[in-house]
N, C-alpha and C. Protein backbone atom coordinates (compact mmCIF):
# COMPACT_ATOMS: atom_id res chain seq x y z
N UNK A 1 18.43 25.57 -38.18
CA UNK A 1 17.68 24.41 -37.73
C UNK A 1 17.44 24.52 -36.23
N UNK A 2 16.25 24.22 -35.83
CA UNK A 2 15.86 24.29 -34.42
C UNK A 2 16.39 23.07 -33.66
N UNK A 3 16.70 23.27 -32.39
CA UNK A 3 17.13 22.17 -31.53
C UNK A 3 16.18 22.07 -30.35
N UNK A 4 15.78 20.85 -30.06
CA UNK A 4 14.83 20.56 -28.99
C UNK A 4 15.55 19.74 -27.92
N UNK A 5 15.38 20.13 -26.66
CA UNK A 5 16.04 19.42 -25.56
C UNK A 5 15.04 19.10 -24.46
N UNK A 6 15.29 17.99 -23.79
CA UNK A 6 14.48 17.57 -22.65
C UNK A 6 15.44 17.30 -21.50
N UNK A 7 15.28 18.04 -20.38
CA UNK A 7 16.10 17.88 -19.19
C UNK A 7 15.28 17.11 -18.16
N UNK A 8 15.84 15.99 -17.67
CA UNK A 8 15.10 15.10 -16.79
C UNK A 8 15.81 15.00 -15.43
N UNK A 9 15.12 15.42 -14.39
CA UNK A 9 15.68 15.37 -13.04
C UNK A 9 15.63 13.95 -12.48
N UNK A 10 16.23 13.77 -11.31
CA UNK A 10 16.33 12.45 -10.71
C UNK A 10 15.39 12.21 -9.55
N UNK A 11 15.65 11.13 -8.87
CA UNK A 11 14.88 10.65 -7.73
C UNK A 11 14.80 11.72 -6.64
N UNK A 12 13.59 12.05 -6.24
CA UNK A 12 13.37 13.05 -5.19
C UNK A 12 13.61 14.48 -5.63
N UNK A 13 13.88 14.69 -6.91
CA UNK A 13 14.23 16.02 -7.41
C UNK A 13 13.05 16.76 -8.03
N UNK A 14 13.35 17.96 -8.49
CA UNK A 14 12.39 18.78 -9.24
C UNK A 14 13.13 19.45 -10.39
N UNK A 15 12.37 20.06 -11.26
CA UNK A 15 12.99 20.76 -12.38
C UNK A 15 13.63 22.08 -11.94
N UNK A 16 13.44 22.48 -10.68
CA UNK A 16 14.04 23.72 -10.16
C UNK A 16 15.34 23.46 -9.42
N UNK A 17 15.74 22.20 -9.28
CA UNK A 17 16.90 21.86 -8.47
C UNK A 17 18.21 21.88 -9.24
N UNK A 18 19.28 21.90 -8.48
CA UNK A 18 20.63 21.74 -8.99
C UNK A 18 20.94 22.72 -10.13
N UNK A 19 21.43 22.23 -11.24
CA UNK A 19 21.85 23.03 -12.39
C UNK A 19 20.80 23.09 -13.50
N UNK A 20 19.66 22.49 -13.29
CA UNK A 20 18.65 22.40 -14.34
C UNK A 20 18.13 23.77 -14.81
N UNK A 21 17.74 24.68 -13.90
CA UNK A 21 17.26 25.99 -14.36
C UNK A 21 18.34 26.77 -15.12
N UNK A 22 19.58 26.68 -14.65
CA UNK A 22 20.67 27.37 -15.32
C UNK A 22 20.86 26.83 -16.74
N UNK A 23 20.92 25.50 -16.89
CA UNK A 23 21.12 24.91 -18.21
C UNK A 23 19.96 25.24 -19.14
N UNK A 24 18.75 25.16 -18.63
CA UNK A 24 17.57 25.50 -19.44
C UNK A 24 17.67 26.94 -19.94
N UNK A 25 18.01 27.87 -19.06
CA UNK A 25 18.13 29.28 -19.44
C UNK A 25 19.24 29.49 -20.47
N UNK A 26 20.38 28.82 -20.28
CA UNK A 26 21.50 28.96 -21.23
C UNK A 26 21.12 28.43 -22.61
N UNK A 27 20.42 27.31 -22.66
CA UNK A 27 20.01 26.74 -23.95
C UNK A 27 18.94 27.61 -24.62
N UNK A 28 18.06 28.18 -23.82
CA UNK A 28 17.05 29.08 -24.38
C UNK A 28 17.68 30.34 -24.97
N UNK A 29 18.80 30.79 -24.40
CA UNK A 29 19.53 31.92 -24.98
C UNK A 29 20.03 31.58 -26.38
N UNK A 30 20.26 30.29 -26.63
CA UNK A 30 20.69 29.82 -27.95
C UNK A 30 19.49 29.52 -28.86
N UNK A 31 18.29 29.86 -28.36
CA UNK A 31 17.03 29.66 -29.09
C UNK A 31 16.64 28.20 -29.23
N UNK A 32 17.04 27.39 -28.25
CA UNK A 32 16.62 26.00 -28.22
C UNK A 32 15.22 25.93 -27.61
N UNK A 33 14.45 24.93 -28.01
CA UNK A 33 13.16 24.63 -27.41
C UNK A 33 13.42 23.61 -26.30
N UNK A 34 13.35 24.07 -25.02
CA UNK A 34 13.76 23.24 -23.89
C UNK A 34 12.57 22.94 -22.98
N UNK A 35 12.39 21.67 -22.67
CA UNK A 35 11.41 21.23 -21.68
C UNK A 35 12.16 20.64 -20.49
N UNK A 36 11.69 20.97 -19.29
CA UNK A 36 12.25 20.40 -18.07
C UNK A 36 11.07 20.12 -17.13
N UNK A 37 10.36 19.04 -17.39
CA UNK A 37 9.15 18.77 -16.61
C UNK A 37 9.45 18.24 -15.21
N UNK A 38 8.50 18.44 -14.32
CA UNK A 38 8.53 17.76 -13.03
C UNK A 38 7.91 16.38 -13.25
N UNK A 39 8.60 15.35 -12.82
CA UNK A 39 8.10 13.99 -12.99
C UNK A 39 7.08 13.65 -11.92
N UNK A 40 6.15 12.76 -12.23
CA UNK A 40 5.18 12.33 -11.22
C UNK A 40 5.84 11.46 -10.15
N UNK A 41 5.30 11.53 -8.94
CA UNK A 41 5.74 10.66 -7.83
C UNK A 41 7.25 10.61 -7.67
N UNK A 42 7.88 11.75 -7.64
CA UNK A 42 9.34 11.78 -7.60
C UNK A 42 9.94 11.15 -6.34
N UNK A 43 9.18 11.14 -5.23
CA UNK A 43 9.70 10.54 -4.01
C UNK A 43 9.47 9.03 -3.93
N UNK A 44 8.57 8.52 -4.75
CA UNK A 44 8.34 7.08 -4.87
C UNK A 44 8.22 6.73 -6.35
N UNK A 45 9.33 6.89 -7.08
CA UNK A 45 9.27 6.79 -8.54
C UNK A 45 8.95 5.39 -9.05
N UNK A 46 8.10 5.38 -10.04
CA UNK A 46 7.72 4.14 -10.72
C UNK A 46 7.96 4.34 -12.21
N UNK A 47 8.73 3.47 -12.81
CA UNK A 47 9.01 3.55 -14.23
C UNK A 47 7.71 3.57 -15.04
N UNK A 48 6.73 2.78 -14.61
CA UNK A 48 5.45 2.69 -15.33
C UNK A 48 4.68 4.01 -15.33
N UNK A 49 5.00 4.94 -14.43
CA UNK A 49 4.36 6.26 -14.41
C UNK A 49 5.23 7.31 -15.08
N UNK A 50 6.52 7.28 -14.79
CA UNK A 50 7.39 8.35 -15.27
C UNK A 50 7.72 8.23 -16.76
N UNK A 51 7.97 7.03 -17.24
CA UNK A 51 8.30 6.87 -18.66
C UNK A 51 7.17 7.35 -19.57
N UNK A 52 5.92 6.94 -19.36
CA UNK A 52 4.84 7.45 -20.23
C UNK A 52 4.70 8.98 -20.17
N UNK A 53 4.93 9.57 -18.99
CA UNK A 53 4.84 11.03 -18.87
C UNK A 53 5.85 11.71 -19.79
N UNK A 54 7.05 11.15 -19.88
CA UNK A 54 8.06 11.72 -20.77
C UNK A 54 7.78 11.43 -22.23
N UNK A 55 7.34 10.22 -22.51
CA UNK A 55 7.05 9.87 -23.90
C UNK A 55 5.90 10.69 -24.47
N UNK A 56 5.01 11.16 -23.60
CA UNK A 56 3.93 12.04 -24.05
C UNK A 56 4.44 13.39 -24.53
N UNK A 57 5.63 13.78 -24.07
CA UNK A 57 6.19 15.07 -24.47
C UNK A 57 6.79 15.04 -25.87
N UNK A 58 7.29 13.90 -26.28
CA UNK A 58 7.92 13.77 -27.60
C UNK A 58 7.24 12.66 -28.38
N UNK A 59 6.90 12.93 -29.62
CA UNK A 59 6.32 11.93 -30.50
C UNK A 59 7.46 11.14 -31.15
N UNK A 60 7.66 9.92 -30.71
CA UNK A 60 8.78 9.12 -31.18
C UNK A 60 8.63 8.68 -32.63
N UNK A 61 7.40 8.65 -33.11
CA UNK A 61 7.16 8.19 -34.47
C UNK A 61 7.20 9.32 -35.49
N UNK A 62 7.46 10.51 -35.01
CA UNK A 62 7.49 11.68 -35.88
C UNK A 62 8.87 11.84 -36.50
N UNK A 63 8.91 12.09 -37.81
CA UNK A 63 10.16 12.47 -38.44
C UNK A 63 10.37 13.94 -38.16
N UNK A 64 11.61 14.30 -37.90
CA UNK A 64 11.85 15.66 -37.50
C UNK A 64 13.11 16.20 -38.15
N UNK A 65 13.02 17.41 -38.63
CA UNK A 65 14.20 18.10 -39.17
C UNK A 65 15.00 18.72 -38.04
N UNK A 66 14.36 18.97 -36.89
CA UNK A 66 15.06 19.60 -35.78
C UNK A 66 16.00 18.61 -35.11
N UNK A 67 17.02 19.15 -34.50
CA UNK A 67 17.94 18.31 -33.71
C UNK A 67 17.29 18.06 -32.36
N UNK A 68 17.54 16.88 -31.79
CA UNK A 68 16.91 16.51 -30.51
C UNK A 68 17.95 15.95 -29.55
N UNK A 69 17.82 16.39 -28.28
CA UNK A 69 18.78 16.03 -27.24
C UNK A 69 18.03 15.66 -25.97
N UNK A 70 18.48 14.60 -25.31
CA UNK A 70 17.98 14.21 -24.00
C UNK A 70 19.09 14.40 -22.97
N UNK A 71 18.74 14.96 -21.82
CA UNK A 71 19.70 15.20 -20.74
C UNK A 71 19.09 14.64 -19.46
N UNK A 72 19.78 13.71 -18.81
CA UNK A 72 19.24 13.12 -17.59
C UNK A 72 20.25 13.07 -16.47
N UNK A 73 19.82 13.45 -15.29
CA UNK A 73 20.67 13.39 -14.10
C UNK A 73 20.18 12.29 -13.17
N UNK A 74 21.09 11.45 -12.70
CA UNK A 74 20.80 10.41 -11.73
C UNK A 74 19.71 9.47 -12.28
N UNK A 75 18.60 9.34 -11.61
CA UNK A 75 17.53 8.49 -12.13
C UNK A 75 17.02 9.02 -13.47
N UNK A 76 17.14 10.31 -13.70
CA UNK A 76 16.79 10.89 -15.00
C UNK A 76 17.63 10.31 -16.12
N UNK A 77 18.89 9.95 -15.84
CA UNK A 77 19.73 9.28 -16.84
C UNK A 77 19.20 7.90 -17.18
N UNK A 78 18.69 7.21 -16.17
CA UNK A 78 18.06 5.91 -16.41
C UNK A 78 16.81 6.07 -17.27
N UNK A 79 16.07 7.15 -17.03
CA UNK A 79 14.89 7.42 -17.85
C UNK A 79 15.27 7.72 -19.30
N UNK A 80 16.38 8.43 -19.49
CA UNK A 80 16.87 8.67 -20.85
C UNK A 80 17.11 7.33 -21.55
N UNK A 81 17.80 6.43 -20.88
CA UNK A 81 18.09 5.13 -21.49
C UNK A 81 16.81 4.34 -21.75
N UNK A 82 15.86 4.38 -20.83
CA UNK A 82 14.58 3.68 -21.04
C UNK A 82 13.80 4.32 -22.19
N UNK A 83 13.88 5.64 -22.34
CA UNK A 83 13.23 6.29 -23.49
C UNK A 83 13.86 5.80 -24.79
N UNK A 84 15.19 5.66 -24.79
CA UNK A 84 15.90 5.26 -26.00
C UNK A 84 15.71 3.78 -26.34
N UNK A 85 15.15 3.01 -25.45
CA UNK A 85 14.81 1.61 -25.76
C UNK A 85 13.57 1.52 -26.66
N UNK A 86 12.77 2.57 -26.67
CA UNK A 86 11.50 2.55 -27.40
C UNK A 86 11.76 2.55 -28.90
N UNK A 87 10.72 2.37 -29.68
CA UNK A 87 10.84 2.36 -31.13
C UNK A 87 10.70 3.78 -31.67
N UNK A 88 11.84 4.38 -32.01
CA UNK A 88 11.89 5.74 -32.54
C UNK A 88 11.92 5.67 -34.07
N UNK A 89 11.26 6.61 -34.71
CA UNK A 89 11.28 6.65 -36.17
C UNK A 89 12.66 7.02 -36.67
N UNK A 90 13.32 7.94 -35.98
CA UNK A 90 14.69 8.31 -36.35
C UNK A 90 15.48 8.59 -35.07
N UNK A 91 16.79 8.38 -35.10
CA UNK A 91 17.57 8.57 -33.88
C UNK A 91 17.67 10.04 -33.47
N UNK A 92 17.86 10.24 -32.16
CA UNK A 92 18.10 11.59 -31.67
C UNK A 92 19.59 11.90 -31.86
N UNK A 93 19.95 13.16 -31.69
CA UNK A 93 21.32 13.58 -31.96
C UNK A 93 22.28 13.32 -30.80
N UNK A 94 21.80 13.50 -29.55
CA UNK A 94 22.70 13.32 -28.42
C UNK A 94 21.91 13.02 -27.15
N UNK A 95 22.54 12.22 -26.29
CA UNK A 95 22.02 11.99 -24.94
C UNK A 95 23.16 12.27 -23.97
N UNK A 96 22.87 13.10 -22.97
CA UNK A 96 23.84 13.36 -21.91
C UNK A 96 23.31 12.69 -20.65
N UNK A 97 24.13 11.82 -20.11
CA UNK A 97 23.75 11.04 -18.93
C UNK A 97 24.72 11.42 -17.81
N UNK A 98 24.17 12.02 -16.75
CA UNK A 98 24.98 12.54 -15.65
C UNK A 98 24.71 11.74 -14.38
N UNK A 99 25.75 11.11 -13.84
CA UNK A 99 25.67 10.40 -12.56
C UNK A 99 24.46 9.47 -12.49
N UNK A 100 24.30 8.70 -13.54
CA UNK A 100 23.11 7.86 -13.65
C UNK A 100 23.20 6.59 -12.82
N UNK A 101 22.05 6.18 -12.35
CA UNK A 101 21.90 4.90 -11.69
C UNK A 101 22.07 3.79 -12.73
N UNK A 102 22.31 2.57 -12.26
CA UNK A 102 22.46 1.44 -13.18
C UNK A 102 21.90 0.18 -12.54
N UNK A 103 21.94 -0.89 -13.28
CA UNK A 103 21.47 -2.20 -12.80
C UNK A 103 22.14 -2.58 -11.48
N UNK A 104 23.42 -2.24 -11.37
CA UNK A 104 24.19 -2.65 -10.18
C UNK A 104 24.41 -1.52 -9.19
N UNK A 105 23.98 -0.32 -9.51
CA UNK A 105 24.26 0.83 -8.65
C UNK A 105 23.01 1.70 -8.52
N UNK A 106 22.12 1.29 -7.64
CA UNK A 106 20.88 2.05 -7.43
C UNK A 106 20.32 1.75 -6.05
N UNK A 107 19.57 2.71 -5.49
CA UNK A 107 18.91 2.43 -4.20
C UNK A 107 17.77 1.43 -4.38
N UNK A 108 17.46 0.74 -3.33
CA UNK A 108 16.38 -0.27 -3.34
C UNK A 108 15.05 0.31 -3.80
N UNK A 109 14.79 1.58 -3.46
CA UNK A 109 13.50 2.22 -3.77
C UNK A 109 13.23 2.33 -5.27
N UNK A 110 14.26 2.21 -6.10
CA UNK A 110 14.03 2.35 -7.54
C UNK A 110 14.35 1.07 -8.32
N UNK A 111 14.33 -0.05 -7.62
CA UNK A 111 14.66 -1.31 -8.31
C UNK A 111 13.68 -1.62 -9.45
N UNK A 112 12.47 -1.04 -9.42
CA UNK A 112 11.51 -1.28 -10.50
C UNK A 112 12.02 -0.76 -11.85
N UNK A 113 12.96 0.17 -11.85
CA UNK A 113 13.55 0.68 -13.09
C UNK A 113 14.45 -0.37 -13.75
N UNK A 114 14.88 -1.33 -12.98
CA UNK A 114 15.85 -2.31 -13.47
C UNK A 114 15.33 -3.74 -13.40
N UNK A 115 14.02 -3.89 -13.36
CA UNK A 115 13.42 -5.23 -13.34
C UNK A 115 13.80 -5.99 -14.60
N UNK A 116 13.92 -5.28 -15.71
CA UNK A 116 14.38 -5.88 -16.97
C UNK A 116 15.71 -5.23 -17.33
N UNK A 117 16.64 -6.00 -17.90
CA UNK A 117 17.91 -5.41 -18.31
C UNK A 117 17.70 -4.39 -19.43
N UNK A 118 18.60 -3.42 -19.50
CA UNK A 118 18.53 -2.42 -20.57
C UNK A 118 18.85 -3.07 -21.91
N UNK A 119 18.14 -2.65 -22.95
CA UNK A 119 18.36 -3.14 -24.31
C UNK A 119 19.35 -2.19 -25.01
N UNK A 120 20.65 -2.42 -24.78
CA UNK A 120 21.66 -1.50 -25.29
C UNK A 120 21.70 -1.46 -26.82
N UNK A 121 21.37 -2.54 -27.49
CA UNK A 121 21.37 -2.51 -28.96
C UNK A 121 20.33 -1.52 -29.48
N UNK A 122 19.14 -1.56 -28.91
CA UNK A 122 18.10 -0.62 -29.32
C UNK A 122 18.46 0.81 -28.91
N UNK A 123 19.03 0.97 -27.72
CA UNK A 123 19.44 2.29 -27.24
C UNK A 123 20.44 2.90 -28.22
N UNK A 124 21.42 2.12 -28.64
CA UNK A 124 22.45 2.63 -29.56
C UNK A 124 21.87 3.00 -30.93
N UNK A 125 20.87 2.26 -31.38
CA UNK A 125 20.22 2.57 -32.67
C UNK A 125 19.50 3.91 -32.62
N UNK A 126 19.03 4.30 -31.44
CA UNK A 126 18.17 5.47 -31.31
C UNK A 126 18.88 6.75 -30.91
N UNK A 127 20.21 6.73 -30.84
CA UNK A 127 20.95 7.93 -30.46
C UNK A 127 22.31 7.93 -31.16
N UNK A 128 22.65 9.08 -31.74
CA UNK A 128 23.90 9.19 -32.49
C UNK A 128 25.13 9.36 -31.61
N UNK A 129 24.98 10.05 -30.46
CA UNK A 129 26.14 10.36 -29.62
C UNK A 129 25.72 10.36 -28.15
N UNK A 130 26.56 9.74 -27.31
CA UNK A 130 26.32 9.70 -25.87
C UNK A 130 27.45 10.43 -25.16
N UNK A 131 27.09 11.31 -24.24
CA UNK A 131 28.04 11.95 -23.34
C UNK A 131 27.73 11.45 -21.94
N UNK A 132 28.70 10.83 -21.31
CA UNK A 132 28.54 10.25 -19.98
C UNK A 132 29.40 11.07 -19.01
N UNK A 133 28.76 11.62 -17.97
CA UNK A 133 29.48 12.44 -17.00
C UNK A 133 29.28 11.83 -15.62
N UNK A 134 30.39 11.38 -15.03
CA UNK A 134 30.36 10.73 -13.73
C UNK A 134 31.45 11.31 -12.84
N UNK A 135 31.34 11.07 -11.54
CA UNK A 135 32.30 11.56 -10.56
C UNK A 135 33.01 10.39 -9.89
N UNK A 136 34.25 10.63 -9.49
CA UNK A 136 35.00 9.58 -8.82
C UNK A 136 34.70 9.50 -7.32
N UNK A 137 33.85 10.40 -6.82
CA UNK A 137 33.48 10.33 -5.40
C UNK A 137 31.98 10.50 -5.18
N UNK A 138 31.19 9.99 -6.10
CA UNK A 138 29.74 10.07 -5.99
C UNK A 138 29.29 9.20 -4.81
N UNK A 139 28.54 9.78 -3.85
CA UNK A 139 28.12 8.98 -2.70
C UNK A 139 27.02 7.96 -3.01
N UNK A 140 26.39 8.08 -4.19
CA UNK A 140 25.27 7.20 -4.54
C UNK A 140 25.59 6.23 -5.67
N UNK A 141 26.49 6.62 -6.55
CA UNK A 141 26.74 5.86 -7.77
C UNK A 141 28.18 5.37 -7.78
N UNK A 142 28.37 4.11 -8.00
CA UNK A 142 29.70 3.51 -8.06
C UNK A 142 30.52 4.16 -9.19
N UNK A 143 31.81 4.35 -8.94
CA UNK A 143 32.71 4.92 -9.95
C UNK A 143 32.82 4.02 -11.18
N UNK A 144 32.46 2.75 -11.06
CA UNK A 144 32.52 1.84 -12.22
C UNK A 144 31.34 2.01 -13.17
N UNK A 145 30.32 2.75 -12.75
CA UNK A 145 29.11 2.87 -13.58
C UNK A 145 29.40 3.60 -14.89
N UNK A 146 30.16 4.68 -14.85
CA UNK A 146 30.48 5.41 -16.08
C UNK A 146 31.20 4.54 -17.10
N UNK A 147 32.31 3.89 -16.71
CA UNK A 147 32.99 2.99 -17.66
C UNK A 147 32.09 1.84 -18.14
N UNK A 148 31.23 1.33 -17.27
CA UNK A 148 30.30 0.27 -17.67
C UNK A 148 29.39 0.76 -18.80
N UNK A 149 28.79 1.95 -18.61
CA UNK A 149 27.92 2.49 -19.66
C UNK A 149 28.71 2.79 -20.93
N UNK A 150 29.91 3.30 -20.79
CA UNK A 150 30.72 3.58 -21.98
C UNK A 150 30.97 2.28 -22.76
N UNK A 151 31.30 1.22 -22.06
CA UNK A 151 31.53 -0.07 -22.72
C UNK A 151 30.25 -0.56 -23.42
N UNK A 152 29.12 -0.47 -22.73
CA UNK A 152 27.86 -0.96 -23.30
C UNK A 152 27.41 -0.13 -24.51
N UNK A 153 27.67 1.18 -24.47
CA UNK A 153 27.19 2.07 -25.54
C UNK A 153 28.17 2.18 -26.70
N UNK A 154 29.39 1.72 -26.52
CA UNK A 154 30.33 1.60 -27.62
C UNK A 154 31.00 2.89 -28.06
N UNK A 155 31.42 2.89 -29.31
CA UNK A 155 32.28 3.95 -29.85
C UNK A 155 31.62 5.32 -29.90
N UNK A 156 30.31 5.40 -29.82
CA UNK A 156 29.63 6.69 -29.85
C UNK A 156 29.40 7.26 -28.45
N UNK A 157 30.09 6.69 -27.46
CA UNK A 157 29.95 7.16 -26.08
C UNK A 157 31.27 7.75 -25.60
N UNK A 158 31.21 8.98 -25.10
CA UNK A 158 32.38 9.65 -24.54
C UNK A 158 32.17 9.83 -23.05
N UNK A 159 33.16 9.40 -22.27
CA UNK A 159 33.07 9.44 -20.81
C UNK A 159 33.92 10.56 -20.25
N UNK A 160 33.31 11.38 -19.38
CA UNK A 160 34.02 12.38 -18.59
C UNK A 160 33.93 11.94 -17.14
N UNK A 161 35.05 11.57 -16.56
CA UNK A 161 35.10 11.19 -15.15
C UNK A 161 35.68 12.40 -14.41
N UNK A 162 34.84 13.08 -13.63
CA UNK A 162 35.22 14.32 -12.98
C UNK A 162 35.69 14.02 -11.55
N UNK A 163 36.80 14.61 -11.17
CA UNK A 163 37.39 14.41 -9.86
C UNK A 163 36.63 15.21 -8.80
N UNK A 164 36.15 14.55 -7.76
CA UNK A 164 35.49 15.17 -6.60
C UNK A 164 34.28 16.03 -6.96
N UNK A 165 33.41 15.53 -7.81
CA UNK A 165 32.20 16.27 -8.19
C UNK A 165 30.97 15.79 -7.44
N UNK A 166 31.12 14.80 -6.57
CA UNK A 166 29.97 14.29 -5.82
C UNK A 166 28.91 13.74 -6.77
N UNK A 167 27.68 14.13 -6.53
CA UNK A 167 26.56 13.66 -7.35
C UNK A 167 26.06 14.77 -8.29
N UNK A 168 26.90 15.76 -8.54
CA UNK A 168 26.59 16.88 -9.44
C UNK A 168 25.32 17.60 -9.00
N UNK A 169 25.25 17.86 -7.72
CA UNK A 169 24.10 18.55 -7.15
C UNK A 169 24.51 19.93 -6.65
N UNK A 170 23.52 20.73 -6.32
CA UNK A 170 23.77 22.07 -5.81
C UNK A 170 24.71 22.03 -4.62
N UNK A 171 24.50 21.10 -3.71
CA UNK A 171 25.35 21.00 -2.52
C UNK A 171 26.79 20.61 -2.86
N UNK A 172 27.00 20.08 -4.07
CA UNK A 172 28.35 19.74 -4.54
C UNK A 172 28.96 20.89 -5.34
N UNK A 173 28.25 22.01 -5.40
CA UNK A 173 28.74 23.18 -6.15
C UNK A 173 28.24 23.25 -7.58
N UNK A 174 27.19 22.51 -7.88
CA UNK A 174 26.67 22.46 -9.26
C UNK A 174 25.35 23.20 -9.40
N UNK A 175 25.40 24.52 -9.30
CA UNK A 175 24.25 25.35 -9.67
C UNK A 175 24.35 25.71 -11.14
N UNK A 176 25.55 25.63 -11.68
CA UNK A 176 25.83 25.79 -13.10
C UNK A 176 26.60 24.55 -13.54
N UNK A 177 26.55 24.27 -14.84
CA UNK A 177 27.20 23.06 -15.34
C UNK A 177 27.81 23.35 -16.72
N UNK A 178 28.92 24.11 -16.76
CA UNK A 178 29.53 24.48 -18.03
C UNK A 178 29.92 23.29 -18.91
N UNK A 179 30.37 22.17 -18.33
CA UNK A 179 30.73 21.01 -19.14
C UNK A 179 29.53 20.51 -19.93
N UNK A 180 28.38 20.40 -19.29
CA UNK A 180 27.18 19.94 -20.02
C UNK A 180 26.84 20.93 -21.13
N UNK A 181 26.91 22.21 -20.86
CA UNK A 181 26.60 23.22 -21.88
C UNK A 181 27.57 23.12 -23.05
N UNK A 182 28.85 23.00 -22.78
CA UNK A 182 29.83 22.95 -23.86
C UNK A 182 29.64 21.71 -24.73
N UNK A 183 29.30 20.57 -24.14
CA UNK A 183 29.06 19.37 -24.96
C UNK A 183 27.77 19.52 -25.77
N UNK A 184 26.78 20.18 -25.21
CA UNK A 184 25.53 20.38 -25.96
C UNK A 184 25.73 21.30 -27.16
N UNK A 185 26.64 22.24 -27.03
CA UNK A 185 26.90 23.15 -28.16
C UNK A 185 27.47 22.41 -29.36
N UNK A 186 28.00 21.21 -29.15
CA UNK A 186 28.51 20.41 -30.27
C UNK A 186 27.39 19.93 -31.18
N UNK A 187 26.16 19.95 -30.69
CA UNK A 187 25.01 19.51 -31.48
C UNK A 187 24.71 20.50 -32.59
N UNK A 188 24.96 21.77 -32.33
CA UNK A 188 24.58 22.82 -33.30
C UNK A 188 25.36 22.73 -34.59
């Protein structure tokens, strides 16, 4: 069975930054169909522009025999959750949310992502398993964000709180991300 993955970068980022190229290459070695698009207006992100760009990549109303996975870093994690609010014909297999912004933990420049509260009931219906990866010393995201998301997403959410991982960026030593790869291999 084929597996399809979408890797979503964060605010001010590109698909060439941090650990994204490494993870894409590792998943392609496993014969996964991986997309890692550059989002529009990454330096002045607007949910109304970025969400439709991602939804155009995947047909939510399509029934699929392939396994499907969403991976989002920082603001990309918020985009994963906003994607999962939509009306999907069938749930995806896994969502990995890394150092994601939240209603209470985000820069002013992206407040438009949180104008409406997240619909966690719909999000949970549209995904079978959530992997949450957060750091205890993230300079941008409160350490309470990971446990908050775990509580909201319920029993199908597993939280990894990593000691001194910063924001999981290249400057924090994250050009590779073995934890994300190992959790993704559970989908197969």
